Amino acid sequence: MNSFSWEIPLACPHCHSQELREVSGPNPRSKERIACNGCGRDLGSLPAFRKRALDAAFAEVATQVKRAVAEAARDLRRKARRR
């Protein structure tokens, strides 16, 4: 998988809009800008917002990876039982 996409619920510090913003790309730590869907202001330049967005994205990816590994382990155990 070359590209990841996460939906991250965060509040805009300007208009306090609670909308989903998408951080996407092969490297989520890239210099890609994030804009508020409510007021349109650039949020990527705000260090705290950017850090929370990245922390949430990496936590979601870690959860997805754990689920995928657990599912693969279950599949291997099932295949081993069938033999």
C-alpha atoms as a PDB file:
ATOM      1  CA  MET A   1       0.000   0.000   0.000  1.00  0.00           C
ATOM      2  CA  ASN A   2       1.642   3.237  -1.135  1.00  0.00           C
ATOM      3  CA  SER A   3      -0.819   5.787   0.190  1.00  0.00           C
ATOM      4  CA  PHE A   4      -2.839   6.113   3.369  1.00  0.00           C
ATOM      5  CA  SER A   5      -5.860   8.264   4.114  1.00  0.00           C
ATOM      6  CA  TRP A   6      -7.353   9.082   7.511  1.00  0.00           C
ATOM      7  CA  GLU A   7     -10.349  11.065   8.589  1.00  0.00           C
ATOM      8  CA  ILE A   8      -9.501  13.036  11.709  1.00  0.00           C
ATOM      9  CA  PRO A   9     -12.248  14.757  13.748  1.00  0.00           C
ATOM     10  CA  LEU A  10     -10.820  17.973  15.192  1.00  0.00           C
ATOM     11  CA  ALA A  11     -12.213  21.411  15.985  1.00  0.00           C
ATOM     12  CA  CYS A  12     -10.933  24.436  14.054  1.00  0.00           C
ATOM     13  CA  PRO A  13      -9.342  26.902  16.522  1.00  0.00           C
ATOM     14  CA  HIS A  14     -10.763  29.829  14.491  1.00  0.00           C
ATOM     15  CA  CYS A  15     -14.439  28.974  13.880  1.00  0.00           C
ATOM     16  CA  HIS A  16     -14.637  25.870  16.156  1.00  0.00           C
ATOM     17  CA  SER A  17     -16.205  23.893  13.331  1.00  0.00           C
ATOM     18  CA  GLN A  18     -16.324  20.149  14.091  1.00  0.00           C
ATOM     19  CA  GLU A  19     -15.783  18.773  10.598  1.00  0.00           C
ATOM     20  CA  LEU A  20     -13.809  15.838   9.292  1.00  0.00           C
ATOM     21  CA  ARG A  21     -10.561  16.781   7.638  1.00  0.00           C
ATOM     22  CA  GLU A  22      -8.575  14.403   5.514  1.00  0.00           C
ATOM     23  CA  VAL A  23      -4.821  14.013   5.824  1.00  0.00           C
ATOM     24  CA  SER A  24      -3.597  11.958   2.902  1.00  0.00           C
ATOM     25  CA  GLY A  25      -0.494  11.081   0.982  1.00  0.00           C
ATOM     26  CA  PRO A  26       2.342   8.592   1.083  1.00  0.00           C
ATOM     27  CA  ASN A  27       3.947  10.467   3.982  1.00  0.00           C
ATOM     28  CA  PRO A  28       1.578  12.126   6.503  1.00  0.00           C
ATOM     29  CA  ARG A  29       4.485  14.197   7.867  1.00  0.00           C
ATOM     30  CA  SER A  30       4.894  15.952   4.517  1.00  0.00           C
ATOM     31  CA  LYS A  31       4.426  19.702   4.184  1.00  0.00           C
ATOM     32  CA  GLU A  32       0.876  19.206   2.889  1.00  0.00           C
ATOM     33  CA  ARG A  33      -1.512  21.920   4.063  1.00  0.00           C
ATOM     34  CA  ILE A  34      -4.759  21.268   5.934  1.00  0.00           C
ATOM     35  CA  ALA A  35      -7.609  23.760   5.561  1.00  0.00           C
ATOM     36  CA  CYS A  36     -10.791  24.146   7.620  1.00  0.00           C
ATOM     37  CA  ASN A  37     -13.925  23.207   5.705  1.00  0.00           C
ATOM     38  CA  GLY A  38     -15.939  25.776   7.696  1.00  0.00           C
ATOM     39  CA  CYS A  39     -13.908  29.011   7.491  1.00  0.00           C
ATOM     40  CA  GLY A  40     -11.332  27.943   4.894  1.00  0.00           C
ATOM     41  CA  ARG A  41      -8.343  29.022   7.000  1.00  0.00           C
ATOM     42  CA  ASP A  42      -5.068  27.164   6.766  1.00  0.00           C
ATOM     43  CA  LEU A  43      -4.645  24.830   9.733  1.00  0.00           C
ATOM     44  CA  GLY A  44      -1.425  23.122   8.687  1.00  0.00           C
ATOM     45  CA  SER A  45       0.594  26.110   9.829  1.00  0.00           C
ATOM     46  CA  LEU A  46      -0.635  25.753  13.414  1.00  0.00           C
ATOM     47  CA  PRO A  47       1.890  23.497  15.213  1.00  0.00           C
ATOM     48  CA  ALA A  48      -0.508  22.233  17.906  1.00  0.00           C
ATOM     49  CA  PHE A  49      -3.230  21.419  15.378  1.00  0.00           C
ATOM     50  CA  ARG A  50      -0.738  19.695  13.133  1.00  0.00           C
ATOM     51  CA  LYS A  51       0.650  17.631  16.039  1.00  0.00           C
ATOM     52  CA  ARG A  52      -2.828  16.528  17.186  1.00  0.00           C
ATOM     53  CA  ALA A  53      -3.764  15.607  13.619  1.00  0.00           C
ATOM     54  CA  LEU A  54      -0.617  13.522  13.160  1.00  0.00           C
ATOM     55  CA  ASP A  55      -0.985  11.870  16.573  1.00  0.00           C
ATOM     56  CA  ALA A  56      -4.580  10.900  15.766  1.00  0.00           C
ATOM     57  CA  ALA A  57      -3.584   9.635  12.321  1.00  0.00           C
ATOM     58  CA  PHE A  58      -0.731   7.503  13.638  1.00  0.00           C
ATOM     59  CA  ALA A  59      -2.913   6.108  16.440  1.00  0.00           C
ATOM     60  CA  GLU A  60      -5.520   5.090  13.847  1.00  0.00           C
ATOM     61  CA  VAL A  61      -2.883   3.449  11.652  1.00  0.00           C
ATOM     62  CA  ALA A  62      -1.446   1.575  14.640  1.00  0.00           C
ATOM     63  CA  THR A  63      -4.929   0.247  15.438  1.00  0.00           C
ATOM     64  CA  GLN A  64      -5.462  -0.834  11.827  1.00  0.00           C
ATOM     65  CA  VAL A  65      -2.084  -2.595  11.759  1.00  0.00           C
ATOM     66  CA  LYS A  66      -2.827  -4.438  15.028  1.00  0.00           C
ATOM     67  CA  ARG A  67      -6.172  -5.614  13.620  1.00  0.00           C
ATOM     68  CA  ALA A  68      -4.563  -6.766  10.375  1.00  0.00           C
ATOM     69  CA  VAL A  69      -1.848  -8.694  12.234  1.00  0.00           C
ATOM     70  CA  ALA A  70      -4.412 -10.342  14.524  1.00  0.00           C
ATOM     71  CA  GLU A  71      -6.542 -11.325  11.522  1.00  0.00           C
ATOM     72  CA  ALA A  72      -3.522 -12.770   9.698  1.00  0.00           C
ATOM     73  CA  ALA A  73      -2.564 -14.770  12.809  1.00  0.00           C
ATOM     74  CA  ARG A  74      -6.114 -16.165  13.054  1.00  0.00           C
ATOM     75  CA  ASP A  75      -6.013 -17.152   9.386  1.00  0.00           C
ATOM     76  CA  LEU A  76      -2.682 -18.944   9.874  1.00  0.00           C
ATOM     77  CA  ARG A  77      -4.022 -20.833  12.901  1.00  0.00           C
ATOM     78  CA  ARG A  78      -7.112 -21.898  10.922  1.00  0.00           C
ATOM     79  CA  LYS A  79      -4.963 -23.130   8.044  1.00  0.00           C
ATOM     80  CA  ALA A  80      -2.722 -25.046  10.469  1.00  0.00           C
ATOM     81  CA  ARG A  81      -5.762 -26.781  12.018  1.00  0.00           C
ATOM     82  CA  ARG A  82      -7.019 -27.897   8.619  1.00  0.00           C
ATOM     83  CA  ARG A  83      -3.789 -29.775   7.870  1.00  0.00           C
END
